[in-house]
Amino acid sequence: MPQLDTSTWFITILSMFLTLFILFQLKISKHHYPENPTIKPAKSPGQYTPWENKWTKIYSPLSLPPQ
């Protein structure tokens, strides 16, 4: 049975990693990221609802007295 020649494996794997690294660097360098992101102000709702300025109570059926 012939022996497997592994003498070139190291250089093959090393060149594969180098090629992948270069390809990913080129792919990443093509992206354009915003330089100064700005914060957009939050918009307040235009419609007024009467419960915005006062507390409301929500009664759980278990907390009510028995009838």
Protein backbone atom coordinates (compact mmCIF):
# COMPACT_ATOMS: atom_id res chain seq x y z
CA MET A 1 0.00 0.00 0.00
CA PRO A 2 1.59 3.36 -0.97
CA GLN A 3 2.27 6.01 1.63
CA LEU A 4 0.40 9.30 1.52
CA ASP A 5 2.71 12.21 0.73
CA THR A 6 1.96 14.96 3.26
CA SER A 7 5.00 17.14 2.57
CA THR A 8 2.96 19.74 0.64
CA TRP A 9 0.03 19.93 3.05
CA PHE A 10 1.52 22.67 5.18
CA ILE A 11 2.12 25.08 2.30
CA THR A 12 -1.29 24.25 0.79
CA ILE A 13 -3.16 24.98 4.01
CA LEU A 14 -1.09 28.09 4.69
CA SER A 15 -1.73 29.48 1.21
CA MET A 16 -5.45 28.71 1.57
CA PHE A 17 -5.67 30.72 4.80
CA LEU A 18 -3.69 33.58 3.27
CA THR A 19 -5.97 33.64 0.23
CA LEU A 20 -9.12 33.59 2.37
CA PHE A 21 -7.76 36.39 4.54
CA ILE A 22 -7.00 38.55 1.49
CA LEU A 23 -10.41 37.86 -0.06
CA PHE A 24 -12.24 38.78 3.13
CA GLN A 25 -10.18 41.95 3.52
CA LEU A 26 -11.07 42.98 -0.02
CA LYS A 27 -14.74 42.19 0.57
CA ILE A 28 -14.87 44.17 3.81
CA SER A 29 -12.99 47.15 2.35
CA LYS A 30 -15.73 47.65 -0.28
CA HIS A 31 -18.35 48.49 2.36
CA HIS A 32 -19.08 52.16 3.02
CA TYR A 33 -19.89 52.89 6.64
CA PRO A 34 -21.41 56.22 7.74
CA GLU A 35 -18.76 58.49 9.23
CA ASN A 36 -20.88 60.50 11.66
CA PRO A 37 -24.19 58.85 12.52
CA THR A 38 -26.75 61.33 13.79
CA ILE A 39 -29.52 60.74 16.30
CA LYS A 40 -33.00 61.39 14.98
CA PRO A 41 -35.33 63.19 17.41
CA ALA A 42 -38.25 61.14 18.65
CA LYS A 43 -41.61 62.23 17.31
CA SER A 44 -44.37 62.81 19.83
CA PRO A 45 -47.84 61.50 18.97
CA GLY A 46 -50.07 64.16 17.49
CA GLN A 47 -53.31 62.78 18.90
CA TYR A 48 -54.13 63.69 22.50
CA THR A 49 -55.65 61.01 24.70
CA PRO A 50 -57.17 61.88 28.10
CA TRP A 51 -55.41 59.06 29.94
CA GLU A 52 -51.91 60.36 29.22
CA ASN A 53 -51.87 62.80 32.16
CA LYS A 54 -53.71 60.84 34.85
CA TRP A 55 -53.42 57.46 36.53
CA THR A 56 -55.77 54.70 35.61
CA LYS A 57 -56.56 51.69 37.72
CA ILE A 58 -56.90 48.21 36.33
CA TYR A 59 -58.65 45.84 38.69
CA SER A 60 -57.78 42.19 38.63
CA PRO A 61 -60.83 39.91 39.02
CA LEU A 62 -59.10 38.16 41.91
CA SER A 63 -58.60 41.38 43.88
CA LEU A 64 -62.28 42.38 43.77
CA PRO A 65 -64.51 41.52 46.72
CA PRO A 66 -66.65 38.41 46.28
CA GLN A 67 -70.16 39.05 45.03
